[in-house]
Structure formats: C-alpha cells, structure tokens
Amino acid sequence: MPSDLAHKIYSIVKTIPKGHTMTYKEVAVAVGHPNACRAVGNILNKNFDVTIPCHRVIRSDGKTGGYNRGQKKKEEILKKERNSLS
C-alpha cells in the first residue's frame, strides 16, 4: 500500500499536462519535502499505474532520468507528447 508521501507525489504528478515536465526537485517541493528528490524518484520507479504520468518527471539538469519501463521508452513518450502539441 502506497505511503502518504507516495499519494501526495502521485497527486502532483497527475497534474503535469501532456507535453510538459517537472523535475524531481519541483515535485519534492510541491509535496512539502524539498530535500526528498531521491524519494520522489524511488517512489515513481515503483509506479505501474498508467494514469500517473511519471515519465513527465525529469532531472534538474534536463536529462530524462530513470524510468521503470526503460530510459529509451521515457524519451520516446516525451518526444511524442511534445510533438503532439506542435
């Protein structure tokens, strides 16, 4: 069963619009735990609920970061979403 922190993270991530991203740090700040960037990543890595677009959370340096379905898949999804807005 997901923790209270996980529920808060999932709630924030669900609000990220298609074609947009947030950093792990931004999500951590949004849930009130500004130093919990690593926890955000670990929680999202365990997510397999397709209604939670965890692929939209990236590293602060602009790199995609990890993804439980593979980094290449994350990059493909993000590119497709950005292109659909054009």
N, C-alpha and C. Protein backbone atom coordinates (compact mmCIF):
# COMPACT_ATOMS: atom_id res chain seq x y z
N MET A 1 0.85 -1.18 0.00
CA MET A 1 0.00 0.00 0.00
C MET A 1 0.90 1.25 0.00
N PRO A 2 0.64 2.17 -0.93
CA PRO A 2 1.47 3.39 -1.01
C PRO A 2 1.38 4.23 0.26
N SER A 3 2.50 4.84 0.61
CA SER A 3 2.56 5.72 1.78
C SER A 3 1.84 7.04 1.50
N ASP A 4 1.68 7.82 2.55
CA ASP A 4 1.07 9.15 2.42
C ASP A 4 1.91 10.02 1.47
N LEU A 5 3.24 9.91 1.59
CA LEU A 5 4.12 10.68 0.70
C LEU A 5 3.92 10.24 -0.75
N ALA A 6 3.80 8.95 -0.97
CA ALA A 6 3.58 8.44 -2.33
C ALA A 6 2.27 8.99 -2.90
N HIS A 7 1.22 8.98 -2.10
CA HIS A 7 -0.07 9.52 -2.57
C HIS A 7 0.06 10.99 -2.95
N LYS A 8 0.79 11.76 -2.14
CA LYS A 8 0.99 13.19 -2.45
C LYS A 8 1.77 13.35 -3.75
N ILE A 9 2.81 12.55 -3.91
CA ILE A 9 3.62 12.62 -5.13
C ILE A 9 2.77 12.26 -6.34
N TYR A 10 2.02 11.18 -6.26
CA TYR A 10 1.16 10.77 -7.38
C TYR A 10 0.15 11.86 -7.72
N SER A 11 -0.41 12.51 -6.70
CA SER A 11 -1.39 13.59 -6.94
C SER A 11 -0.77 14.74 -7.71
N ILE A 12 0.46 15.12 -7.36
CA ILE A 12 1.15 16.21 -8.06
C ILE A 12 1.48 15.79 -9.48
N VAL A 13 2.02 14.60 -9.64
CA VAL A 13 2.44 14.14 -10.97
C VAL A 13 1.24 14.02 -11.92
N LYS A 14 0.08 13.65 -11.40
CA LYS A 14 -1.12 13.56 -12.23
C LYS A 14 -1.52 14.92 -12.82
N THR A 15 -1.06 16.02 -12.22
CA THR A 15 -1.43 17.34 -12.71
C THR A 15 -0.50 17.87 -13.81
N ILE A 16 0.59 17.16 -14.10
CA ILE A 16 1.53 17.64 -15.12
C ILE A 16 0.88 17.45 -16.49
N PRO A 17 0.67 18.53 -17.22
CA PRO A 17 0.00 18.42 -18.52
C PRO A 17 0.85 17.69 -19.56
N LYS A 18 0.19 17.09 -20.49
CA LYS A 18 0.85 16.41 -21.61
C LYS A 18 1.76 17.42 -22.33
N GLY A 19 2.99 16.98 -22.60
CA GLY A 19 3.94 17.85 -23.28
C GLY A 19 4.77 18.71 -22.34
N HIS A 20 4.52 18.60 -21.05
CA HIS A 20 5.24 19.38 -20.05
C HIS A 20 5.94 18.43 -19.08
N THR A 21 6.88 18.98 -18.31
CA THR A 21 7.59 18.18 -17.33
C THR A 21 7.78 18.97 -16.05
N MET A 22 8.10 18.25 -14.99
CA MET A 22 8.53 18.82 -13.72
C MET A 22 9.80 18.07 -13.34
N THR A 23 10.64 18.69 -12.55
CA THR A 23 11.82 17.99 -12.07
C THR A 23 11.48 17.23 -10.79
N TYR A 24 12.33 16.28 -10.45
CA TYR A 24 12.16 15.56 -9.20
C TYR A 24 12.15 16.55 -8.04
N LYS A 25 13.00 17.57 -8.12
CA LYS A 25 13.09 18.60 -7.09
C LYS A 25 11.77 19.38 -7.01
N GLU A 26 11.22 19.78 -8.14
CA GLU A 26 9.96 20.52 -8.15
C GLU A 26 8.83 19.71 -7.52
N VAL A 27 8.80 18.42 -7.80
CA VAL A 27 7.77 17.56 -7.20
C VAL A 27 7.99 17.49 -5.69
N ALA A 28 9.24 17.32 -5.27
CA ALA A 28 9.56 17.25 -3.84
C ALA A 28 9.12 18.53 -3.12
N VAL A 29 9.40 19.67 -3.71
CA VAL A 29 8.99 20.96 -3.12
C VAL A 29 7.46 21.04 -3.07
N ALA A 30 6.80 20.61 -4.14
CA ALA A 30 5.34 20.70 -4.21
C ALA A 30 4.65 19.85 -3.15
N VAL A 31 5.28 18.76 -2.73
CA VAL A 31 4.67 17.92 -1.69
C VAL A 31 5.14 18.32 -0.29
N GLY A 32 5.95 19.39 -0.21
CA GLY A 32 6.37 19.89 1.09
C GLY A 32 7.61 19.24 1.67
N HIS A 33 8.36 18.53 0.83
CA HIS A 33 9.59 17.87 1.27
C HIS A 33 10.72 18.22 0.30
N PRO A 34 11.23 19.45 0.36
CA PRO A 34 12.19 19.93 -0.64
C PRO A 34 13.48 19.12 -0.77
N ASN A 35 13.82 18.34 0.23
CA ASN A 35 15.03 17.54 0.16
C ASN A 35 14.77 16.08 -0.22
N ALA A 36 13.57 15.79 -0.66
CA ALA A 36 13.17 14.41 -0.94
C ALA A 36 13.22 14.04 -2.41
N CYS A 37 14.13 14.65 -3.17
CA CYS A 37 14.22 14.36 -4.61
C CYS A 37 14.42 12.87 -4.88
N ARG A 38 15.33 12.27 -4.13
CA ARG A 38 15.62 10.84 -4.33
C ARG A 38 14.40 9.99 -3.98
N ALA A 39 13.69 10.36 -2.93
CA ALA A 39 12.48 9.64 -2.55
C ALA A 39 11.43 9.72 -3.66
N VAL A 40 11.31 10.89 -4.28
CA VAL A 40 10.37 11.05 -5.41
C VAL A 40 10.73 10.05 -6.51
N GLY A 41 12.01 10.00 -6.86
CA GLY A 41 12.45 9.06 -7.90
C GLY A 41 12.19 7.62 -7.53
N ASN A 42 12.49 7.26 -6.29
CA ASN A 42 12.28 5.87 -5.86
C ASN A 42 10.80 5.49 -5.86
N ILE A 43 9.96 6.41 -5.43
CA ILE A 43 8.52 6.14 -5.43
C ILE A 43 7.99 6.01 -6.85
N LEU A 44 8.39 6.92 -7.73
CA LEU A 44 7.91 6.86 -9.11
C LEU A 44 8.44 5.63 -9.84
N ASN A 45 9.62 5.15 -9.46
CA ASN A 45 10.18 3.97 -10.09
C ASN A 45 9.34 2.72 -9.82
N LYS A 46 8.58 2.74 -8.74
CA LYS A 46 7.74 1.60 -8.38
C LYS A 46 6.31 1.73 -8.93
N ASN A 47 6.04 2.82 -9.63
CA ASN A 47 4.70 3.07 -10.15
C ASN A 47 4.47 2.34 -11.48
N PHE A 48 3.39 1.57 -11.54
CA PHE A 48 3.00 0.94 -12.80
C PHE A 48 1.57 1.32 -13.17
N ASP A 49 1.03 2.33 -12.51
CA ASP A 49 -0.31 2.83 -12.81
C ASP A 49 -0.21 3.80 -13.98
N VAL A 50 -0.81 3.44 -15.10
CA VAL A 50 -0.69 4.26 -16.32
C VAL A 50 -1.39 5.61 -16.20
N THR A 51 -2.23 5.79 -15.18
CA THR A 51 -2.89 7.09 -15.00
C THR A 51 -1.98 8.10 -14.32
N ILE A 52 -0.82 7.65 -13.86
CA ILE A 52 0.16 8.54 -13.22
C ILE A 52 1.32 8.70 -14.20
N PRO A 53 1.42 9.85 -14.87
CA PRO A 53 2.43 10.03 -15.93
C PRO A 53 3.83 10.31 -15.38
N CYS A 54 4.40 9.31 -14.72
CA CYS A 54 5.70 9.52 -14.08
C CYS A 54 6.82 9.79 -15.09
N HIS A 55 6.58 9.50 -16.36
CA HIS A 55 7.57 9.81 -17.39
C HIS A 55 7.76 11.32 -17.55
N ARG A 56 6.85 12.12 -17.02
CA ARG A 56 6.94 13.58 -17.14
C ARG A 56 7.80 14.21 -16.04
N VAL A 57 8.42 13.40 -15.22
CA VAL A 57 9.30 13.91 -14.17
C VAL A 57 10.74 13.65 -14.60
N ILE A 58 11.53 14.72 -14.66
CA ILE A 58 12.89 14.64 -15.17
C ILE A 58 13.90 15.19 -14.16
N ARG A 59 15.15 15.03 -14.48
CA ARG A 59 16.22 15.55 -13.61
C ARG A 59 16.34 17.06 -13.75
N SER A 60 16.92 17.69 -12.74
CA SER A 60 17.10 19.15 -12.75
C SER A 60 18.05 19.62 -13.84
N ASP A 61 18.95 18.74 -14.29
CA ASP A 61 19.89 19.12 -15.35
C ASP A 61 19.30 18.95 -16.75
N GLY A 62 18.02 18.60 -16.82
CA GLY A 62 17.34 18.47 -18.11
C GLY A 62 17.40 17.07 -18.70
N LYS A 63 18.21 16.19 -18.13
CA LYS A 63 18.26 14.81 -18.60
C LYS A 63 17.00 14.10 -18.14
N THR A 64 16.63 13.04 -18.86
CA THR A 64 15.36 12.38 -18.56
C THR A 64 15.34 11.65 -17.23
N GLY A 65 16.44 11.10 -16.81
CA GLY A 65 16.44 10.32 -15.58
C GLY A 65 15.89 8.93 -15.83
N GLY A 66 15.67 8.20 -14.76
CA GLY A 66 15.23 6.81 -14.88
C GLY A 66 13.76 6.67 -15.19
N TYR A 67 13.40 5.43 -15.53
CA TYR A 67 12.01 5.10 -15.86
C TYR A 67 11.89 3.60 -15.75
N ASN A 68 10.86 3.11 -15.09
CA ASN A 68 10.76 1.68 -14.86
C ASN A 68 10.45 0.87 -16.12
N ARG A 69 10.17 1.53 -17.20
CA ARG A 69 9.95 0.84 -18.48
C ARG A 69 11.13 1.07 -19.44
N GLY A 70 12.19 1.68 -18.91
CA GLY A 70 13.41 1.93 -19.68
C GLY A 70 13.53 3.39 -20.09
N GLN A 71 14.76 3.89 -20.03
CA GLN A 71 15.01 5.29 -20.35
C GLN A 71 14.65 5.61 -21.81
N LYS A 72 14.94 4.69 -22.72
CA LYS A 72 14.62 4.93 -24.13
C LYS A 72 13.11 5.12 -24.31
N LYS A 73 12.32 4.30 -23.63
CA LYS A 73 10.86 4.41 -23.72
C LYS A 73 10.39 5.77 -23.18
N LYS A 74 11.01 6.22 -22.08
CA LYS A 74 10.66 7.52 -21.50
C LYS A 74 10.93 8.63 -22.50
N GLU A 75 12.09 8.59 -23.13
CA GLU A 75 12.45 9.61 -24.12
C GLU A 75 11.48 9.60 -25.30
N GLU A 76 11.08 8.41 -25.75
CA GLU A 76 10.13 8.29 -26.87
C GLU A 76 8.78 8.91 -26.51
N ILE A 77 8.28 8.60 -25.32
CA ILE A 77 6.98 9.12 -24.89
C ILE A 77 7.02 10.63 -24.78
N LEU A 78 8.07 11.17 -24.16
CA LEU A 78 8.18 12.63 -24.01
C LEU A 78 8.25 13.32 -25.37
N LYS A 79 9.02 12.75 -26.29
CA LYS A 79 9.13 13.33 -27.63
C LYS A 79 7.78 13.32 -28.34
N LYS A 80 7.07 12.20 -28.25
CA LYS A 80 5.75 12.08 -28.87
C LYS A 80 4.78 13.10 -28.29
N GLU A 81 4.79 13.27 -26.97
CA GLU A 81 3.89 14.23 -26.33
C GLU A 81 4.20 15.66 -26.75
N ARG A 82 5.49 16.00 -26.81
CA ARG A 82 5.88 17.36 -27.24
C ARG A 82 5.46 17.62 -28.68
N ASN A 83 5.65 16.62 -29.53
CA ASN A 83 5.29 16.77 -30.94
C ASN A 83 3.79 16.87 -31.14
N SER A 84 3.02 16.26 -30.27
CA SER A 84 1.57 16.31 -30.42
C SER A 84 1.01 17.70 -30.11
N LEU A 85 1.81 18.52 -29.44
CA LEU A 85 1.39 19.89 -29.13
C LEU A 85 1.70 20.86 -30.25
N SER A 86 2.59 20.45 -31.14
CA SER A 86 3.04 21.35 -32.23
C SER A 86 1.97 21.53 -33.27
